[in-house]
Amino acid sequence: MGSRIAAIGGVLWDGNWILGYNHYLGECSIFYVELWDILDELVFLQIQGYNRVVTQSNSTFGSLYWIRGVMEKLCNSKST
C-alpha cells in the first residue's frame, strides 16, 4: 500500500457532543491513518475522564489490526 498525504478528523459524543478534532498526519499509509484515528479518539476520551468507550470504524482493516494489537498487549501483560 502506498503512502499519501493524510489527515484525520472526527466527532466524539456520548449522546451529546463532547468535542470535534482534526489531525494532520503528513505522508502516511491507510493502515496508519486508521490506527491514528482510533488512537486519537481514545486519548481524547481518556483526557476527558472516560474510562469505558465503544469505538466505531467504517474500516474493517484498521479495526482488526487495532483489536489484534490490544489483544497482544493484554496477553503479554498477563504473562509477565
C-alpha atoms as a PDB file:
ATOM      1  CA  MET A   1       0.000   0.000   0.000  1.00  0.00           C
ATOM      2  CA  GLY A   2       1.345   3.382  -0.958  1.00  0.00           C
ATOM      3  CA  SER A   3       1.590   6.407   1.231  1.00  0.00           C
ATOM      4  CA  ARG A   4      -0.233   9.654   0.561  1.00  0.00           C
ATOM      5  CA  ILE A   5      -0.714  12.943   2.351  1.00  0.00           C
ATOM      6  CA  ALA A   6      -3.313  12.269   5.041  1.00  0.00           C
ATOM      7  CA  ALA A   7      -5.333  13.891   7.803  1.00  0.00           C
ATOM      8  CA  ILE A   8      -7.968  12.558  10.164  1.00  0.00           C
ATOM      9  CA  GLY A   9     -10.883  14.093  11.982  1.00  0.00           C
ATOM     10  CA  GLY A  10     -13.964  13.165  13.856  1.00  0.00           C
ATOM     11  CA  VAL A  11     -16.565  13.944  16.454  1.00  0.00           C
ATOM     12  CA  LEU A  12     -16.748  12.361  19.883  1.00  0.00           C
ATOM     13  CA  TRP A  13     -20.143  12.120  21.538  1.00  0.00           C
ATOM     14  CA  ASP A  14     -21.935  10.295  24.336  1.00  0.00           C
ATOM     15  CA  GLY A  15     -25.416  11.267  23.212  1.00  0.00           C
ATOM     16  CA  ASN A  16     -24.189  14.847  23.498  1.00  0.00           C
ATOM     17  CA  TRP A  17     -21.315  16.452  21.628  1.00  0.00           C
ATOM     18  CA  ILE A  18     -18.010  16.089  23.534  1.00  0.00           C
ATOM     19  CA  LEU A  19     -15.520  17.507  21.030  1.00  0.00           C
ATOM     20  CA  GLY A  20     -14.521  17.648  17.395  1.00  0.00           C
ATOM     21  CA  TYR A  21     -10.950  17.219  16.222  1.00  0.00           C
ATOM     22  CA  ASN A  22      -8.639  17.053  13.230  1.00  0.00           C
ATOM     23  CA  HIS A  23      -5.038  15.917  12.983  1.00  0.00           C
ATOM     24  CA  TYR A  24      -2.675  16.375  10.028  1.00  0.00           C
ATOM     25  CA  LEU A  25      -0.577  13.220   9.602  1.00  0.00           C
ATOM     26  CA  GLY A  26       1.590  14.104   6.618  1.00  0.00           C
ATOM     27  CA  GLU A  27       2.625  11.219   4.383  1.00  0.00           C
ATOM     28  CA  CYS A  28       1.022   8.083   5.737  1.00  0.00           C
ATOM     29  CA  SER A  29      -0.438   4.742   4.593  1.00  0.00           C
ATOM     30  CA  ILE A  30      -4.141   3.992   5.032  1.00  0.00           C
ATOM     31  CA  PHE A  31      -3.237   1.417   7.686  1.00  0.00           C
ATOM     32  CA  TYR A  32      -1.619   4.072   9.877  1.00  0.00           C
ATOM     33  CA  VAL A  33      -4.349   6.608   9.127  1.00  0.00           C
ATOM     34  CA  GLU A  34      -6.971   4.255  10.552  1.00  0.00           C
ATOM     35  CA  LEU A  35      -4.872   3.406  13.599  1.00  0.00           C
ATOM     36  CA  TRP A  36      -4.057   7.079  14.324  1.00  0.00           C
ATOM     37  CA  ASP A  37      -7.749   7.912  14.122  1.00  0.00           C
ATOM     38  CA  ILE A  38      -8.685   5.284  16.700  1.00  0.00           C
ATOM     39  CA  LEU A  39      -5.731   6.187  18.932  1.00  0.00           C
ATOM     40  CA  ASP A  40      -6.530   9.917  18.863  1.00  0.00           C
ATOM     41  CA  GLU A  41     -10.137   9.217  19.827  1.00  0.00           C
ATOM     42  CA  LEU A  42      -9.111   7.038  22.762  1.00  0.00           C
ATOM     43  CA  VAL A  43      -6.538   9.556  24.004  1.00  0.00           C
ATOM     44  CA  PHE A  44      -9.029  12.444  23.813  1.00  0.00           C
ATOM     45  CA  LEU A  45     -11.632  10.416  25.695  1.00  0.00           C
ATOM     46  CA  GLN A  46      -9.159   9.360  28.379  1.00  0.00           C
ATOM     47  CA  ILE A  47      -8.154  13.009  28.898  1.00  0.00           C
ATOM     48  CA  GLN A  48     -11.847  13.864  29.282  1.00  0.00           C
ATOM     49  CA  GLY A  49     -12.136  11.212  32.021  1.00  0.00           C
ATOM     50  CA  TYR A  50     -13.923   8.473  30.083  1.00  0.00           C
ATOM     51  CA  ASN A  51     -12.700   5.009  31.081  1.00  0.00           C
ATOM     52  CA  ARG A  52     -15.142   2.850  29.117  1.00  0.00           C
ATOM     53  CA  VAL A  53     -15.775   3.578  25.472  1.00  0.00           C
ATOM     54  CA  VAL A  54     -17.200   1.991  22.367  1.00  0.00           C
ATOM     55  CA  THR A  55     -15.417   2.894  19.161  1.00  0.00           C
ATOM     56  CA  GLN A  56     -16.812   2.500  15.670  1.00  0.00           C
ATOM     57  CA  SER A  57     -14.898   2.470  12.421  1.00  0.00           C
ATOM     58  CA  ASN A  58     -16.040   2.031   8.866  1.00  0.00           C
ATOM     59  CA  SER A  59     -12.706   0.357   8.174  1.00  0.00           C
ATOM     60  CA  THR A  60     -12.566  -3.344   8.922  1.00  0.00           C
ATOM     61  CA  PHE A  61      -8.857  -3.231   8.092  1.00  0.00           C
ATOM     62  CA  GLY A  62      -7.999  -0.657  10.753  1.00  0.00           C
ATOM     63  CA  SER A  63     -10.352  -2.123  13.340  1.00  0.00           C
ATOM     64  CA  LEU A  64      -8.980  -5.644  13.059  1.00  0.00           C
ATOM     65  CA  TYR A  65      -5.383  -4.512  13.433  1.00  0.00           C
ATOM     66  CA  TRP A  66      -6.309  -2.326  16.402  1.00  0.00           C
ATOM     67  CA  ILE A  67      -8.108  -5.227  18.108  1.00  0.00           C
ATOM     68  CA  ARG A  68      -5.170  -7.516  17.409  1.00  0.00           C
ATOM     69  CA  GLY A  69      -2.762  -5.009  18.967  1.00  0.00           C
ATOM     70  CA  VAL A  70      -4.913  -4.614  22.078  1.00  0.00           C
ATOM     71  CA  MET A  71      -5.231  -8.377  22.488  1.00  0.00           C
ATOM     72  CA  GLU A  72      -1.464  -8.850  22.125  1.00  0.00           C
ATOM     73  CA  LYS A  73      -0.832  -6.178  24.782  1.00  0.00           C
ATOM     74  CA  LEU A  74      -3.343  -7.797  27.148  1.00  0.00           C
ATOM     75  CA  CYS A  75      -1.884 -11.263  26.647  1.00  0.00           C
ATOM     76  CA  ASN A  76       1.689 -10.020  27.075  1.00  0.00           C
ATOM     77  CA  SER A  77       0.856  -8.091  30.248  1.00  0.00           C
ATOM     78  CA  LYS A  78      -0.832 -11.142  31.815  1.00  0.00           C
ATOM     79  CA  SER A  79       2.116 -13.435  31.053  1.00  0.00           C
ATOM     80  CA  THR A  80       4.717 -11.176  32.711  1.00  0.00           C
END
